[in-house]
Amino acid sequence: MKTALLTMAIVASAAQAGVEDTLANMERTWCASLVKKDAAALESILADDFTGVGSGGTTSTKAQQLADVRAGGVSSCAHDNIRVRLYGDTAVLTGHTVVTGSGFNNRQVLWTDTFVKRNGRWQCVASHSTLAAGQK
């Protein structure tokens, strides 16, 4: 009995680690889509009912996010400190990103993204970002 419980715990832990990796990789894909102007990659990550709040205090929809990606302007994007917390079919991710592009250089942003698993697929339903301390 103890062996079966231990095996179940190991399998559950591995499954959780797999989901965490998947979600962190989705964040990296999001970042890369900004540089590559790859709206199709971002379209699969964002839910149709997505709402974003940018570091400047503006809100956006999925359609607006996709239009921004197509317009370009980001020349580099790098994440670090991605943390994934799972709550059943909901996940909250936080992290730090450094972005460079037209009109800004090395902008450091702290963010929180909320993902929901619907129909077997993870998608971001809400995002909020703020400039890191000392950023303008």
N, C-alpha and C. Protein backbone atom coordinates (compact mmCIF):
# COMPACT_ATOMS: atom_id res chain seq x y z
N MET A 1 0.81 -1.19 0.00
CA MET A 1 0.00 0.00 0.00
C MET A 1 0.86 1.26 0.00
N LYS A 2 1.91 1.27 0.85
CA LYS A 2 2.78 2.43 0.91
C LYS A 2 3.49 2.64 -0.43
N THR A 3 3.87 1.57 -1.09
CA THR A 3 4.54 1.67 -2.38
C THR A 3 3.61 2.27 -3.42
N ALA A 4 2.35 1.87 -3.40
CA ALA A 4 1.38 2.40 -4.35
C ALA A 4 1.16 3.89 -4.13
N LEU A 5 1.07 4.31 -2.88
CA LEU A 5 0.88 5.73 -2.57
C LEU A 5 2.11 6.54 -2.98
N LEU A 6 3.29 5.99 -2.72
CA LEU A 6 4.51 6.67 -3.11
C LEU A 6 4.59 6.80 -4.63
N THR A 7 4.23 5.75 -5.33
CA THR A 7 4.23 5.78 -6.79
C THR A 7 3.25 6.82 -7.31
N MET A 8 2.08 6.89 -6.72
CA MET A 8 1.08 7.88 -7.13
C MET A 8 1.59 9.30 -6.88
N ALA A 9 2.25 9.50 -5.76
CA ALA A 9 2.79 10.83 -5.44
C ALA A 9 3.88 11.22 -6.44
N ILE A 10 4.71 10.28 -6.82
CA ILE A 10 5.78 10.55 -7.78
C ILE A 10 5.19 10.88 -9.14
N VAL A 11 4.19 10.13 -9.57
CA VAL A 11 3.54 10.38 -10.86
C VAL A 11 2.86 11.75 -10.85
N ALA A 12 2.18 12.08 -9.77
CA ALA A 12 1.50 13.38 -9.66
C ALA A 12 2.52 14.52 -9.69
N SER A 13 3.62 14.34 -9.01
CA SER A 13 4.67 15.37 -8.99
C SER A 13 5.27 15.56 -10.39
N ALA A 14 5.49 14.48 -11.09
CA ALA A 14 6.03 14.57 -12.45
C ALA A 14 5.04 15.23 -13.39
N ALA A 15 3.76 14.92 -13.22
CA ALA A 15 2.73 15.54 -14.06
C ALA A 15 2.68 17.04 -13.80
N GLN A 16 2.76 17.44 -12.53
CA GLN A 16 2.74 18.86 -12.19
C GLN A 16 3.95 19.57 -12.78
N ALA A 17 5.12 18.95 -12.69
CA ALA A 17 6.33 19.54 -13.26
C ALA A 17 6.19 19.70 -14.76
N GLY A 18 5.54 18.74 -15.42
CA GLY A 18 5.32 18.82 -16.86
C GLY A 18 4.42 19.99 -17.22
N VAL A 19 3.37 20.21 -16.44
CA VAL A 19 2.46 21.33 -16.68
C VAL A 19 3.19 22.64 -16.44
N GLU A 20 3.96 22.71 -15.37
CA GLU A 20 4.72 23.92 -15.07
C GLU A 20 5.68 24.26 -16.21
N ASP A 21 6.37 23.24 -16.74
CA ASP A 21 7.28 23.46 -17.88
C ASP A 21 6.52 23.94 -19.10
N THR A 22 5.37 23.33 -19.37
CA THR A 22 4.55 23.73 -20.51
C THR A 22 4.15 25.19 -20.41
N LEU A 23 3.69 25.60 -19.24
CA LEU A 23 3.25 26.99 -19.07
C LEU A 23 4.42 27.97 -19.16
N ALA A 24 5.55 27.63 -18.56
CA ALA A 24 6.72 28.51 -18.65
C ALA A 24 7.18 28.62 -20.10
N ASN A 25 7.10 27.53 -20.85
CA ASN A 25 7.47 27.58 -22.28
C ASN A 25 6.48 28.41 -23.08
N MET A 26 5.21 28.42 -22.68
CA MET A 26 4.23 29.28 -23.36
C MET A 26 4.60 30.74 -23.15
N GLU A 27 5.06 31.08 -21.96
CA GLU A 27 5.51 32.46 -21.70
C GLU A 27 6.71 32.81 -22.59
N ARG A 28 7.64 31.88 -22.73
CA ARG A 28 8.81 32.13 -23.58
C ARG A 28 8.40 32.28 -25.05
N THR A 29 7.42 31.49 -25.48
CA THR A 29 6.91 31.60 -26.84
C THR A 29 6.25 32.96 -27.05
N TRP A 30 5.51 33.42 -26.05
CA TRP A 30 4.87 34.74 -26.09
C TRP A 30 5.93 35.80 -26.30
N CYS A 31 6.99 35.74 -25.52
CA CYS A 31 8.08 36.71 -25.61
C CYS A 31 8.72 36.66 -27.02
N ALA A 32 8.99 35.47 -27.50
CA ALA A 32 9.60 35.30 -28.83
C ALA A 32 8.67 35.80 -29.93
N SER A 33 7.35 35.64 -29.74
CA SER A 33 6.39 36.09 -30.77
C SER A 33 6.45 37.60 -30.95
N LEU A 34 6.78 38.33 -29.89
CA LEU A 34 6.89 39.78 -30.00
C LEU A 34 8.05 40.18 -30.91
N VAL A 35 9.15 39.48 -30.78
CA VAL A 35 10.34 39.77 -31.58
C VAL A 35 10.14 39.34 -33.04
N LYS A 36 9.52 38.18 -33.23
CA LYS A 36 9.33 37.61 -34.57
C LYS A 36 8.10 38.14 -35.30
N LYS A 37 7.31 38.99 -34.61
CA LYS A 37 6.04 39.47 -35.16
C LYS A 37 5.14 38.29 -35.54
N ASP A 38 5.13 37.27 -34.69
CA ASP A 38 4.42 36.03 -34.95
C ASP A 38 3.08 36.01 -34.22
N ALA A 39 2.09 36.67 -34.81
CA ALA A 39 0.77 36.77 -34.19
C ALA A 39 0.11 35.40 -34.06
N ALA A 40 0.40 34.48 -34.98
CA ALA A 40 -0.21 33.16 -34.92
C ALA A 40 0.21 32.41 -33.66
N ALA A 41 1.47 32.54 -33.28
CA ALA A 41 1.94 31.88 -32.05
C ALA A 41 1.23 32.46 -30.83
N LEU A 42 1.07 33.77 -30.81
CA LEU A 42 0.41 34.40 -29.67
C LEU A 42 -1.08 34.11 -29.66
N GLU A 43 -1.68 33.99 -30.83
CA GLU A 43 -3.12 33.73 -30.92
C GLU A 43 -3.50 32.45 -30.20
N SER A 44 -2.64 31.42 -30.28
CA SER A 44 -2.95 30.16 -29.61
C SER A 44 -2.76 30.23 -28.10
N ILE A 45 -1.98 31.20 -27.62
CA ILE A 45 -1.73 31.35 -26.19
C ILE A 45 -2.84 32.14 -25.51
N LEU A 46 -3.34 33.17 -26.17
CA LEU A 46 -4.35 34.04 -25.57
C LEU A 46 -5.76 33.50 -25.77
N ALA A 47 -6.56 33.51 -24.72
CA ALA A 47 -7.96 33.12 -24.81
C ALA A 47 -8.73 34.21 -25.54
N ASP A 48 -9.84 33.85 -26.14
CA ASP A 48 -10.66 34.84 -26.85
C ASP A 48 -11.15 35.94 -25.91
N ASP A 49 -11.34 35.61 -24.63
CA ASP A 49 -11.82 36.60 -23.66
C ASP A 49 -10.67 37.23 -22.86
N PHE A 50 -9.47 37.19 -23.41
CA PHE A 50 -8.28 37.74 -22.77
C PHE A 50 -8.45 39.24 -22.47
N THR A 51 -7.94 39.63 -21.30
CA THR A 51 -7.84 41.04 -20.94
C THR A 51 -6.43 41.29 -20.43
N GLY A 52 -5.80 42.31 -20.97
CA GLY A 52 -4.46 42.67 -20.52
C GLY A 52 -4.44 44.07 -19.94
N VAL A 53 -3.61 44.26 -18.93
CA VAL A 53 -3.36 45.59 -18.38
C VAL A 53 -1.86 45.83 -18.51
N GLY A 54 -1.50 46.82 -19.32
CA GLY A 54 -0.10 47.10 -19.60
C GLY A 54 0.56 47.94 -18.53
N SER A 55 1.87 48.04 -18.62
CA SER A 55 2.65 48.77 -17.62
C SER A 55 2.35 50.27 -17.64
N GLY A 56 1.74 50.75 -18.72
CA GLY A 56 1.36 52.16 -18.79
C GLY A 56 -0.06 52.41 -18.31
N GLY A 57 -0.74 51.35 -17.85
CA GLY A 57 -2.09 51.52 -17.33
C GLY A 57 -3.18 51.34 -18.36
N THR A 58 -2.83 50.94 -19.59
CA THR A 58 -3.84 50.73 -20.63
C THR A 58 -4.34 49.29 -20.59
N THR A 59 -5.57 49.09 -21.05
CA THR A 59 -6.11 47.75 -21.15
C THR A 59 -6.15 47.32 -22.61
N SER A 60 -6.13 46.01 -22.83
CA SER A 60 -6.17 45.51 -24.21
C SER A 60 -6.92 44.18 -24.27
N THR A 61 -7.40 43.90 -25.45
CA THR A 61 -8.07 42.64 -25.75
C THR A 61 -7.11 41.75 -26.53
N LYS A 62 -7.55 40.56 -26.81
CA LYS A 62 -6.74 39.65 -27.64
C LYS A 62 -6.48 40.29 -29.00
N ALA A 63 -7.51 40.85 -29.61
CA ALA A 63 -7.36 41.45 -30.94
C ALA A 63 -6.33 42.58 -30.92
N GLN A 64 -6.34 43.39 -29.87
CA GLN A 64 -5.38 44.49 -29.77
C GLN A 64 -3.96 43.97 -29.56
N GLN A 65 -3.82 42.92 -28.75
CA GLN A 65 -2.50 42.31 -28.54
C GLN A 65 -1.94 41.77 -29.86
N LEU A 66 -2.77 41.10 -30.63
CA LEU A 66 -2.33 40.53 -31.91
C LEU A 66 -1.95 41.64 -32.89
N ALA A 67 -2.71 42.71 -32.91
CA ALA A 67 -2.38 43.85 -33.78
C ALA A 67 -1.04 44.46 -33.38
N ASP A 68 -0.79 44.57 -32.08
CA ASP A 68 0.49 45.11 -31.61
C ASP A 68 1.66 44.22 -32.03
N VAL A 69 1.47 42.92 -31.96
CA VAL A 69 2.53 41.99 -32.37
C VAL A 69 2.81 42.15 -33.86
N ARG A 70 1.75 42.23 -34.67
CA ARG A 70 1.93 42.39 -36.12
C ARG A 70 2.65 43.69 -36.46
N ALA A 71 2.37 44.75 -35.69
CA ALA A 71 2.99 46.05 -35.93
C ALA A 71 4.48 46.05 -35.58
N GLY A 72 4.87 45.15 -34.71
CA GLY A 72 6.29 45.03 -34.34
C GLY A 72 6.74 46.11 -33.39
N GLY A 73 8.05 46.31 -33.37
CA GLY A 73 8.62 47.31 -32.48
C GLY A 73 9.47 46.73 -31.37
N VAL A 74 9.39 45.42 -31.14
CA VAL A 74 10.20 44.77 -30.11
C VAL A 74 11.38 44.09 -30.79
N SER A 75 12.59 44.44 -30.36
CA SER A 75 13.78 43.82 -30.96
C SER A 75 14.38 42.72 -30.09
N SER A 76 14.11 42.75 -28.79
CA SER A 76 14.54 41.64 -27.93
C SER A 76 13.60 41.54 -26.74
N CYS A 77 13.48 40.32 -26.24
CA CYS A 77 12.59 40.04 -25.12
C CYS A 77 13.17 38.84 -24.38
N ALA A 78 13.41 39.00 -23.09
CA ALA A 78 13.99 37.91 -22.30
C ALA A 78 13.31 37.84 -20.93
N HIS A 79 12.85 36.63 -20.60
CA HIS A 79 12.21 36.38 -19.30
C HIS A 79 13.23 35.83 -18.31
N ASP A 80 13.00 36.10 -17.04
CA ASP A 80 13.68 35.37 -15.98
C ASP A 80 12.76 35.32 -14.78
N ASN A 81 13.12 34.52 -13.83
CA ASN A 81 12.34 34.36 -12.59
C ASN A 81 10.89 33.98 -12.84
N ILE A 82 10.64 33.13 -13.83
CA ILE A 82 9.26 32.67 -14.05
C ILE A 82 8.90 31.71 -12.92
N ARG A 83 7.78 32.00 -12.29
CA ARG A 83 7.26 31.13 -11.22
C ARG A 83 5.86 30.70 -11.61
N VAL A 84 5.59 29.42 -11.49
CA VAL A 84 4.29 28.85 -11.85
C VAL A 84 3.64 28.28 -10.60
N ARG A 85 2.40 28.69 -10.34
CA ARG A 85 1.62 28.12 -9.25
C ARG A 85 0.33 27.55 -9.82
N LEU A 86 0.09 26.28 -9.57
CA LEU A 86 -1.08 25.59 -10.10
C LEU A 86 -2.18 25.47 -9.05
N TYR A 87 -3.40 25.72 -9.52
CA TYR A 87 -4.59 25.59 -8.69
C TYR A 87 -5.64 24.84 -9.51
N GLY A 88 -5.45 23.54 -9.66
CA GLY A 88 -6.34 22.75 -10.50
C GLY A 88 -6.20 23.15 -11.96
N ASP A 89 -7.29 23.60 -12.56
CA ASP A 89 -7.27 24.01 -13.97
C ASP A 89 -6.98 25.50 -14.14
N THR A 90 -6.40 26.11 -13.11
CA THR A 90 -5.99 27.51 -13.17
C THR A 90 -4.53 27.59 -12.75
N ALA A 91 -3.79 28.48 -13.40
CA ALA A 91 -2.38 28.67 -13.05
C ALA A 91 -2.09 30.16 -13.03
N VAL A 92 -1.31 30.57 -12.05
CA VAL A 92 -0.86 31.95 -11.95
C VAL A 92 0.65 31.94 -12.14
N LEU A 93 1.10 32.70 -13.14
CA LEU A 93 2.53 32.80 -13.43
C LEU A 93 2.99 34.22 -13.16
N THR A 94 4.17 34.34 -12.58
CA THR A 94 4.77 35.65 -12.37
C THR A 94 6.19 35.61 -12.91
N GLY A 95 6.69 36.78 -13.24
CA GLY A 95 8.05 36.82 -13.74
C GLY A 95 8.54 38.23 -13.99
N HIS A 96 9.73 38.29 -14.54
CA HIS A 96 10.43 39.54 -14.85
C HIS A 96 10.87 39.44 -16.30
N THR A 97 10.69 40.51 -17.05
CA THR A 97 11.06 40.51 -18.46
C THR A 97 11.81 41.79 -18.78
N VAL A 98 12.84 41.65 -19.61
CA VAL A 98 13.55 42.81 -20.13
C VAL A 98 13.25 42.87 -21.62
N VAL A 99 12.72 44.01 -22.07
CA VAL A 99 12.32 44.18 -23.46
C VAL A 99 13.04 45.39 -24.04
N THR A 100 13.48 45.27 -25.28
CA THR A 100 14.07 46.40 -26.00
C THR A 100 13.31 46.57 -27.30
N GLY A 101 13.22 47.80 -27.76
CA GLY A 101 12.53 48.04 -29.02
C GLY A 101 12.42 49.50 -29.34
N SER A 102 11.60 49.80 -30.32
CA SER A 102 11.39 51.18 -30.78
C SER A 102 10.90 52.05 -29.64
N GLY A 103 11.66 53.07 -29.31
CA GLY A 103 11.25 54.03 -28.31
C GLY A 103 11.54 53.64 -26.87
N PHE A 104 12.11 52.46 -26.65
CA PHE A 104 12.47 52.09 -25.28
C PHE A 104 13.66 51.15 -25.33
N ASN A 105 14.45 51.21 -24.28
CA ASN A 105 15.65 50.39 -24.23
C ASN A 105 15.74 49.72 -22.86
N ASN A 106 15.87 48.43 -22.87
CA ASN A 106 15.99 47.66 -21.63
C ASN A 106 14.88 47.96 -20.62
N ARG A 107 13.66 47.98 -21.10
CA ARG A 107 12.51 48.18 -20.21
C ARG A 107 12.34 46.90 -19.39
N GLN A 108 12.32 47.07 -18.08
CA GLN A 108 12.15 45.93 -17.18
C GLN A 108 10.73 45.92 -16.64
N VAL A 109 10.07 44.81 -16.83
CA VAL A 109 8.66 44.69 -16.47
C VAL A 109 8.46 43.47 -15.56
N LEU A 110 7.67 43.67 -14.53
CA LEU A 110 7.21 42.56 -13.69
C LEU A 110 5.78 42.25 -14.12
N TRP A 111 5.43 40.99 -14.19
CA TRP A 111 4.12 40.62 -14.71
C TRP A 111 3.49 39.47 -13.94
N THR A 112 2.18 39.39 -14.07
CA THR A 112 1.38 38.28 -13.56
C THR A 112 0.42 37.87 -14.67
N ASP A 113 0.46 36.60 -15.03
CA ASP A 113 -0.46 36.06 -16.04
C ASP A 113 -1.29 34.94 -15.43
N THR A 114 -2.56 34.92 -15.77
CA THR A 114 -3.46 33.88 -15.30
C THR A 114 -3.87 33.01 -16.47
N PHE A 115 -3.60 31.72 -16.35
CA PHE A 115 -3.96 30.75 -17.38
C PHE A 115 -5.06 29.84 -16.86
N VAL A 116 -5.95 29.43 -17.76
CA VAL A 116 -7.01 28.50 -17.43
C VAL A 116 -6.96 27.36 -18.45
N LYS A 117 -7.16 26.15 -17.96
CA LYS A 117 -7.21 24.99 -18.85
C LYS A 117 -8.66 24.76 -19.24
N ARG A 118 -8.93 24.93 -20.55
CA ARG A 118 -10.27 24.74 -21.09
C ARG A 118 -10.19 23.74 -22.23
N ASN A 119 -11.09 22.79 -22.22
CA ASN A 119 -11.13 21.78 -23.28
C ASN A 119 -9.74 21.17 -23.49
N GLY A 120 -9.03 20.91 -22.38
CA GLY A 120 -7.73 20.25 -22.45
C GLY A 120 -6.58 21.14 -22.89
N ARG A 121 -6.82 22.44 -22.98
CA ARG A 121 -5.80 23.37 -23.51
C ARG A 121 -5.62 24.57 -22.59
N TRP A 122 -4.36 24.90 -22.27
CA TRP A 122 -4.05 26.05 -21.45
C TRP A 122 -4.05 27.32 -22.29
N GLN A 123 -4.71 28.37 -21.78
CA GLN A 123 -4.68 29.67 -22.43
C GLN A 123 -4.66 30.77 -21.38
N CYS A 124 -4.04 31.89 -21.73
CA CYS A 124 -3.97 33.03 -20.84
C CYS A 124 -5.27 33.83 -20.94
N VAL A 125 -5.90 34.06 -19.80
CA VAL A 125 -7.15 34.82 -19.78
C VAL A 125 -6.95 36.24 -19.27
N ALA A 126 -5.85 36.46 -18.52
CA ALA A 126 -5.60 37.79 -17.98
C ALA A 126 -4.11 37.99 -17.77
N SER A 127 -3.68 39.23 -18.02
CA SER A 127 -2.27 39.59 -17.85
C SER A 127 -2.19 40.97 -17.26
N HIS A 128 -1.26 41.16 -16.36
CA HIS A 128 -1.02 42.48 -15.78
C HIS A 128 0.48 42.70 -15.68
N SER A 129 0.94 43.85 -16.09
CA SER A 129 2.38 44.14 -15.98
C SER A 129 2.58 45.53 -15.39
N THR A 130 3.73 45.69 -14.78
CA THR A 130 4.10 46.97 -14.22
C THR A 130 5.61 47.17 -14.42
N LEU A 131 6.02 48.39 -14.53
CA LEU A 131 7.44 48.67 -14.66
C LEU A 131 8.15 48.33 -13.37
N ALA A 132 9.31 47.73 -13.48
CA ALA A 132 10.12 47.41 -12.31
C ALA A 132 10.56 48.73 -11.65
N ALA A 133 10.87 48.66 -10.39
CA ALA A 133 11.30 49.84 -9.64
C ALA A 133 12.45 50.53 -10.36
N GLY A 134 12.38 51.85 -10.47
CA GLY A 134 13.42 52.64 -11.11
C GLY A 134 13.25 52.81 -12.61
N GLN A 135 12.22 52.16 -13.21
CA GLN A 135 11.96 52.25 -14.65
C GLN A 135 11.01 53.42 -14.92
N LYS A 136 11.15 53.97 -16.13
CA LYS A 136 10.24 55.06 -16.54
C LYS A 136 9.49 54.68 -17.78
